[in-house]
Amino acid sequence: MGQRLLLDENLSERLLPLLIERFPGSSHVRLAGLGGASDIAIWERAREQVLLLVTKDEDFLDLSVERGFPPKVVCLAIGNASNAATAALLLQQADTIEQFAQHPEAGFLLIRPDPAAAAADGPAL
């Protein structure tokens, strides 16, 4: 069974249909009534509902260090990527995300695109 994700506000809720088959039960902070909420409120919701928090906001690293886990945080180092590229990265890393979720001592996972794969796709236009 896939992990349930909570997508942070800096990611589009339009990602959900692209991810829901692999990560059933996932949600987005705006759909969860947390649009504009503080990082702490988002953190608490992810903790209470046992969701992996997916974000591009490195402030969650500080929270992870200060508060420990849960929740576990997946930080995407992708800049201003399209929804398709963001979904593709999460799906390509789904097994890594699953392993991270089960690891008893890991609380923060940084995911960045594989430069070799990006080069093989050609330059971004």
N, C-alpha and C. Protein backbone atom coordinates (compact mmCIF):
# COMPACT_ATOMS: atom_id res chain seq x y z
N MET A 1 0.84 -1.19 0.00
CA MET A 1 0.00 0.00 0.00
C MET A 1 0.88 1.24 0.00
N GLY A 2 0.51 2.24 -0.79
CA GLY A 2 1.31 3.45 -0.90
C GLY A 2 1.16 4.35 0.32
N GLN A 3 2.16 5.16 0.51
CA GLN A 3 2.13 6.15 1.57
C GLN A 3 1.16 7.26 1.23
N ARG A 4 0.56 7.83 2.25
CA ARG A 4 -0.31 8.99 2.06
C ARG A 4 0.53 10.25 2.19
N LEU A 5 0.40 11.12 1.21
CA LEU A 5 1.17 12.35 1.17
C LEU A 5 0.27 13.53 1.51
N LEU A 6 0.86 14.56 2.10
CA LEU A 6 0.22 15.85 2.25
C LEU A 6 1.10 16.83 1.49
N LEU A 7 0.58 17.34 0.37
CA LEU A 7 1.33 18.27 -0.46
C LEU A 7 1.21 19.67 0.11
N ASP A 8 2.35 20.31 0.27
CA ASP A 8 2.41 21.67 0.81
C ASP A 8 1.87 22.66 -0.20
N GLU A 9 1.60 23.86 0.28
CA GLU A 9 1.00 24.90 -0.55
C GLU A 9 1.89 25.32 -1.72
N ASN A 10 3.19 25.10 -1.62
CA ASN A 10 4.09 25.47 -2.72
C ASN A 10 4.08 24.46 -3.86
N LEU A 11 3.26 23.44 -3.73
CA LEU A 11 3.04 22.46 -4.79
C LEU A 11 1.58 22.56 -5.23
N SER A 12 1.32 22.29 -6.48
CA SER A 12 -0.04 22.42 -7.01
C SER A 12 -0.92 21.24 -6.59
N GLU A 13 -2.17 21.56 -6.26
CA GLU A 13 -3.12 20.47 -5.98
C GLU A 13 -3.42 19.67 -7.24
N ARG A 14 -3.06 20.21 -8.40
CA ARG A 14 -3.25 19.47 -9.66
C ARG A 14 -2.33 18.26 -9.76
N LEU A 15 -1.40 18.14 -8.83
CA LEU A 15 -0.54 16.95 -8.78
C LEU A 15 -1.31 15.72 -8.30
N LEU A 16 -2.32 15.92 -7.49
CA LEU A 16 -3.01 14.79 -6.86
C LEU A 16 -3.51 13.74 -7.85
N PRO A 17 -4.21 14.13 -8.94
CA PRO A 17 -4.66 13.09 -9.86
C PRO A 17 -3.50 12.31 -10.50
N LEU A 18 -2.34 12.94 -10.61
CA LEU A 18 -1.18 12.28 -11.20
C LEU A 18 -0.52 11.30 -10.22
N LEU A 19 -0.77 11.50 -8.93
CA LEU A 19 -0.09 10.72 -7.89
C LEU A 19 -0.99 9.73 -7.16
N ILE A 20 -2.30 9.91 -7.26
CA ILE A 20 -3.23 9.21 -6.37
C ILE A 20 -3.18 7.69 -6.52
N GLU A 21 -2.88 7.18 -7.71
CA GLU A 21 -2.82 5.72 -7.88
C GLU A 21 -1.66 5.14 -7.07
N ARG A 22 -0.54 5.81 -7.08
CA ARG A 22 0.65 5.31 -6.36
C ARG A 22 0.64 5.70 -4.88
N PHE A 23 0.00 6.83 -4.59
CA PHE A 23 -0.06 7.34 -3.22
C PHE A 23 -1.53 7.59 -2.83
N PRO A 24 -2.33 6.51 -2.70
CA PRO A 24 -3.76 6.68 -2.42
C PRO A 24 -3.99 7.36 -1.07
N GLY A 25 -5.05 8.15 -1.02
CA GLY A 25 -5.39 8.83 0.23
C GLY A 25 -4.61 10.10 0.47
N SER A 26 -3.83 10.52 -0.52
CA SER A 26 -3.05 11.75 -0.38
C SER A 26 -3.94 12.96 -0.51
N SER A 27 -3.44 14.09 0.00
CA SER A 27 -4.21 15.33 -0.03
C SER A 27 -3.29 16.52 -0.23
N HIS A 28 -3.87 17.68 -0.27
CA HIS A 28 -3.16 18.94 -0.44
C HIS A 28 -3.59 19.87 0.68
N VAL A 29 -2.69 20.73 1.15
CA VAL A 29 -3.03 21.57 2.29
C VAL A 29 -4.26 22.44 2.02
N ARG A 30 -4.42 22.95 0.81
CA ARG A 30 -5.60 23.79 0.52
C ARG A 30 -6.88 22.96 0.59
N LEU A 31 -6.84 21.73 0.08
CA LEU A 31 -8.02 20.87 0.13
C LEU A 31 -8.32 20.41 1.55
N ALA A 32 -7.29 20.44 2.41
CA ALA A 32 -7.47 20.06 3.82
C ALA A 32 -7.85 21.26 4.69
N GLY A 33 -8.14 22.41 4.05
CA GLY A 33 -8.53 23.59 4.80
C GLY A 33 -7.38 24.33 5.44
N LEU A 34 -6.16 24.10 4.95
CA LEU A 34 -4.98 24.73 5.53
C LEU A 34 -4.32 25.74 4.60
N GLY A 35 -5.05 26.23 3.61
CA GLY A 35 -4.50 27.24 2.73
C GLY A 35 -4.10 28.47 3.53
N GLY A 36 -2.85 28.92 3.39
CA GLY A 36 -2.36 30.07 4.12
C GLY A 36 -1.99 29.79 5.57
N ALA A 37 -2.08 28.54 6.00
CA ALA A 37 -1.77 28.18 7.39
C ALA A 37 -0.26 28.25 7.64
N SER A 38 0.09 28.34 8.89
CA SER A 38 1.50 28.36 9.28
C SER A 38 2.14 26.99 9.04
N ASP A 39 3.45 27.00 8.93
CA ASP A 39 4.18 25.74 8.79
C ASP A 39 3.88 24.81 9.96
N ILE A 40 3.75 25.38 11.15
CA ILE A 40 3.50 24.54 12.34
C ILE A 40 2.13 23.88 12.24
N ALA A 41 1.12 24.61 11.77
CA ALA A 41 -0.22 24.03 11.62
C ALA A 41 -0.20 22.89 10.60
N ILE A 42 0.52 23.08 9.51
CA ILE A 42 0.64 22.04 8.49
C ILE A 42 1.39 20.84 9.07
N TRP A 43 2.46 21.12 9.79
CA TRP A 43 3.26 20.08 10.45
C TRP A 43 2.37 19.24 11.37
N GLU A 44 1.57 19.92 12.20
CA GLU A 44 0.71 19.23 13.15
C GLU A 44 -0.34 18.36 12.44
N ARG A 45 -0.93 18.87 11.36
CA ARG A 45 -1.93 18.09 10.62
C ARG A 45 -1.28 16.82 10.04
N ALA A 46 -0.08 16.97 9.45
CA ALA A 46 0.60 15.79 8.90
C ALA A 46 0.92 14.79 10.01
N ARG A 47 1.32 15.29 11.17
CA ARG A 47 1.64 14.40 12.30
C ARG A 47 0.39 13.68 12.78
N GLU A 48 -0.69 14.42 12.97
CA GLU A 48 -1.93 13.84 13.49
C GLU A 48 -2.51 12.79 12.55
N GLN A 49 -2.40 13.02 11.25
CA GLN A 49 -3.00 12.12 10.28
C GLN A 49 -2.00 11.12 9.68
N VAL A 50 -0.79 11.09 10.22
CA VAL A 50 0.26 10.17 9.79
C VAL A 50 0.46 10.26 8.27
N LEU A 51 0.73 11.49 7.81
CA LEU A 51 0.98 11.75 6.40
C LEU A 51 2.44 12.14 6.21
N LEU A 52 3.00 11.78 5.07
CA LEU A 52 4.32 12.29 4.70
C LEU A 52 4.11 13.69 4.14
N LEU A 53 4.80 14.65 4.67
CA LEU A 53 4.68 16.03 4.22
C LEU A 53 5.64 16.25 3.05
N VAL A 54 5.10 16.63 1.89
CA VAL A 54 5.91 16.85 0.69
C VAL A 54 5.92 18.35 0.41
N THR A 55 7.11 18.92 0.28
CA THR A 55 7.25 20.35 0.17
C THR A 55 8.48 20.73 -0.65
N LYS A 56 8.54 22.00 -1.02
CA LYS A 56 9.77 22.57 -1.57
C LYS A 56 10.36 23.57 -0.57
N ASP A 57 9.72 23.70 0.58
CA ASP A 57 10.08 24.68 1.61
C ASP A 57 11.10 24.08 2.58
N GLU A 58 12.32 24.60 2.53
CA GLU A 58 13.38 24.07 3.39
C GLU A 58 13.19 24.43 4.86
N ASP A 59 12.21 25.32 5.16
CA ASP A 59 11.90 25.62 6.56
C ASP A 59 11.46 24.37 7.31
N PHE A 60 10.91 23.42 6.58
CA PHE A 60 10.49 22.18 7.23
C PHE A 60 11.67 21.35 7.70
N LEU A 61 12.85 21.57 7.13
CA LEU A 61 14.06 20.91 7.64
C LEU A 61 14.32 21.38 9.07
N ASP A 62 14.19 22.70 9.28
CA ASP A 62 14.39 23.23 10.63
C ASP A 62 13.39 22.62 11.62
N LEU A 63 12.13 22.53 11.19
CA LEU A 63 11.12 21.92 12.07
C LEU A 63 11.44 20.46 12.34
N SER A 64 11.93 19.78 11.32
CA SER A 64 12.27 18.37 11.47
C SER A 64 13.40 18.20 12.50
N VAL A 65 14.39 19.10 12.44
CA VAL A 65 15.50 19.03 13.39
C VAL A 65 15.02 19.41 14.79
N GLU A 66 14.21 20.47 14.89
CA GLU A 66 13.74 20.95 16.20
C GLU A 66 12.78 20.00 16.87
N ARG A 67 11.84 19.45 16.10
CA ARG A 67 10.74 18.69 16.68
C ARG A 67 10.85 17.18 16.50
N GLY A 68 11.75 16.75 15.62
CA GLY A 68 11.83 15.33 15.32
C GLY A 68 10.65 14.91 14.45
N PHE A 69 10.41 13.64 14.39
CA PHE A 69 9.31 13.14 13.57
C PHE A 69 8.51 12.16 14.39
N PRO A 70 7.27 11.92 14.07
CA PRO A 70 6.55 12.35 12.88
C PRO A 70 6.18 13.83 12.94
N PRO A 71 5.82 14.38 11.79
CA PRO A 71 5.75 13.72 10.49
C PRO A 71 7.12 13.65 9.84
N LYS A 72 7.21 12.78 8.90
CA LYS A 72 8.40 12.72 8.05
C LYS A 72 8.19 13.70 6.91
N VAL A 73 9.30 14.30 6.46
CA VAL A 73 9.24 15.34 5.45
C VAL A 73 10.03 14.92 4.22
N VAL A 74 9.39 15.06 3.05
CA VAL A 74 10.04 14.86 1.76
C VAL A 74 10.17 16.24 1.13
N CYS A 75 11.41 16.70 0.94
CA CYS A 75 11.66 18.01 0.36
C CYS A 75 12.15 17.83 -1.07
N LEU A 76 11.48 18.51 -1.99
CA LEU A 76 11.81 18.41 -3.41
C LEU A 76 12.69 19.59 -3.82
N ALA A 77 13.89 19.30 -4.27
CA ALA A 77 14.81 20.33 -4.74
C ALA A 77 14.67 20.42 -6.26
N ILE A 78 13.56 21.04 -6.69
CA ILE A 78 13.23 21.04 -8.11
C ILE A 78 13.01 22.42 -8.70
N GLY A 79 13.12 23.45 -7.87
CA GLY A 79 12.90 24.79 -8.41
C GLY A 79 11.48 24.94 -8.95
N ASN A 80 11.36 25.67 -10.03
CA ASN A 80 10.05 25.96 -10.62
C ASN A 80 9.74 24.93 -11.70
N ALA A 81 9.52 23.69 -11.30
CA ALA A 81 9.26 22.60 -12.24
C ALA A 81 7.77 22.52 -12.56
N SER A 82 7.47 21.97 -13.72
CA SER A 82 6.08 21.77 -14.11
C SER A 82 5.44 20.68 -13.24
N ASN A 83 4.12 20.65 -13.25
CA ASN A 83 3.42 19.59 -12.53
C ASN A 83 3.81 18.22 -13.05
N ALA A 84 3.94 18.09 -14.37
CA ALA A 84 4.33 16.80 -14.96
C ALA A 84 5.71 16.37 -14.47
N ALA A 85 6.66 17.30 -14.44
CA ALA A 85 8.02 16.98 -13.99
C ALA A 85 8.03 16.65 -12.50
N THR A 86 7.25 17.38 -11.72
CA THR A 86 7.18 17.13 -10.28
C THR A 86 6.56 15.76 -10.00
N ALA A 87 5.46 15.46 -10.67
CA ALA A 87 4.82 14.15 -10.50
C ALA A 87 5.75 13.03 -10.95
N ALA A 88 6.43 13.23 -12.08
CA ALA A 88 7.35 12.22 -12.58
C ALA A 88 8.46 11.94 -11.57
N LEU A 89 9.00 13.00 -10.95
CA LEU A 89 10.05 12.82 -9.95
C LEU A 89 9.53 12.02 -8.75
N LEU A 90 8.36 12.37 -8.26
CA LEU A 90 7.80 11.65 -7.12
C LEU A 90 7.51 10.18 -7.46
N LEU A 91 7.01 9.94 -8.66
CA LEU A 91 6.72 8.57 -9.06
C LEU A 91 8.00 7.77 -9.29
N GLN A 92 9.02 8.42 -9.88
CA GLN A 92 10.30 7.74 -10.07
C GLN A 92 10.94 7.38 -8.73
N GLN A 93 10.69 8.20 -7.72
CA GLN A 93 11.29 8.00 -6.40
C GLN A 93 10.34 7.32 -5.42
N ALA A 94 9.25 6.77 -5.92
CA ALA A 94 8.23 6.19 -5.04
C ALA A 94 8.79 5.09 -4.14
N ASP A 95 9.65 4.23 -4.66
CA ASP A 95 10.22 3.18 -3.82
C ASP A 95 11.11 3.77 -2.74
N THR A 96 11.88 4.79 -3.09
CA THR A 96 12.73 5.46 -2.11
C THR A 96 11.87 6.11 -1.03
N ILE A 97 10.78 6.74 -1.44
CA ILE A 97 9.86 7.37 -0.48
C ILE A 97 9.26 6.32 0.45
N GLU A 98 8.88 5.17 -0.10
CA GLU A 98 8.33 4.08 0.72
C GLU A 98 9.37 3.59 1.74
N GLN A 99 10.61 3.40 1.29
CA GLN A 99 11.68 2.96 2.19
C GLN A 99 11.93 3.99 3.28
N PHE A 100 11.95 5.26 2.89
CA PHE A 100 12.13 6.36 3.85
C PHE A 100 11.01 6.33 4.89
N ALA A 101 9.78 6.15 4.45
CA ALA A 101 8.64 6.15 5.37
C ALA A 101 8.76 5.03 6.40
N GLN A 102 9.35 3.92 6.02
CA GLN A 102 9.47 2.77 6.93
C GLN A 102 10.73 2.82 7.79
N HIS A 103 11.67 3.69 7.45
CA HIS A 103 12.95 3.75 8.18
C HIS A 103 12.71 4.31 9.59
N PRO A 104 13.17 3.59 10.60
CA PRO A 104 12.87 4.01 11.97
C PRO A 104 13.63 5.26 12.45
N GLU A 105 14.69 5.65 11.75
CA GLU A 105 15.50 6.77 12.22
C GLU A 105 15.55 7.95 11.27
N ALA A 106 14.94 7.86 10.10
CA ALA A 106 15.00 8.93 9.12
C ALA A 106 13.76 9.81 9.23
N GLY A 107 13.96 11.13 9.24
CA GLY A 107 12.84 12.04 9.35
C GLY A 107 12.73 13.04 8.21
N PHE A 108 13.79 13.16 7.40
CA PHE A 108 13.82 14.16 6.33
C PHE A 108 14.48 13.56 5.11
N LEU A 109 13.83 13.65 3.97
CA LEU A 109 14.35 13.12 2.72
C LEU A 109 14.40 14.23 1.68
N LEU A 110 15.58 14.49 1.15
CA LEU A 110 15.75 15.48 0.08
C LEU A 110 15.81 14.74 -1.24
N ILE A 111 14.93 15.11 -2.16
CA ILE A 111 14.89 14.48 -3.48
C ILE A 111 15.18 15.55 -4.52
N ARG A 112 16.13 15.23 -5.39
CA ARG A 112 16.42 16.12 -6.51
C ARG A 112 16.46 15.30 -7.78
N PRO A 113 16.18 15.94 -8.91
CA PRO A 113 16.20 15.21 -10.17
C PRO A 113 17.58 14.66 -10.47
N ASP A 114 17.62 13.57 -11.18
CA ASP A 114 18.88 12.98 -11.64
C ASP A 114 19.39 13.81 -12.80
N PRO A 115 20.56 14.45 -12.66
CA PRO A 115 21.06 15.30 -13.75
C PRO A 115 21.28 14.52 -15.05
N ALA A 116 21.63 13.25 -14.95
CA ALA A 116 21.85 12.45 -16.16
C ALA A 116 20.53 12.26 -16.90
N ALA A 117 19.45 12.02 -16.16
CA ALA A 117 18.15 11.85 -16.80
C ALA A 117 17.68 13.14 -17.44
N ALA A 118 17.93 14.26 -16.77
CA ALA A 118 17.55 15.56 -17.32
C ALA A 118 18.32 15.84 -18.60
N ALA A 119 19.60 15.51 -18.62
CA ALA A 119 20.43 15.74 -19.81
C ALA A 119 19.96 14.85 -20.97
N ALA A 120 19.53 13.64 -20.65
CA ALA A 120 19.06 12.72 -21.69
C ALA A 120 17.76 13.21 -22.30
N ASP A 121 16.96 13.94 -21.52
CA ASP A 121 15.70 14.48 -22.04
C ASP A 121 15.91 15.68 -22.93
N GLY A 122 17.11 16.24 -22.91
CA GLY A 122 17.40 17.42 -23.72
C GLY A 122 17.16 18.69 -22.94
N PRO A 123 17.50 19.82 -23.52
CA PRO A 123 17.35 21.09 -22.80
C PRO A 123 15.89 21.47 -22.61
N ALA A 124 15.64 22.11 -21.49
CA ALA A 124 14.28 22.62 -21.22
C ALA A 124 14.04 23.84 -22.10
N LEU A 125 12.87 23.89 -22.69
CA LEU A 125 12.52 25.03 -23.55
C LEU A 125 11.48 25.89 -22.89
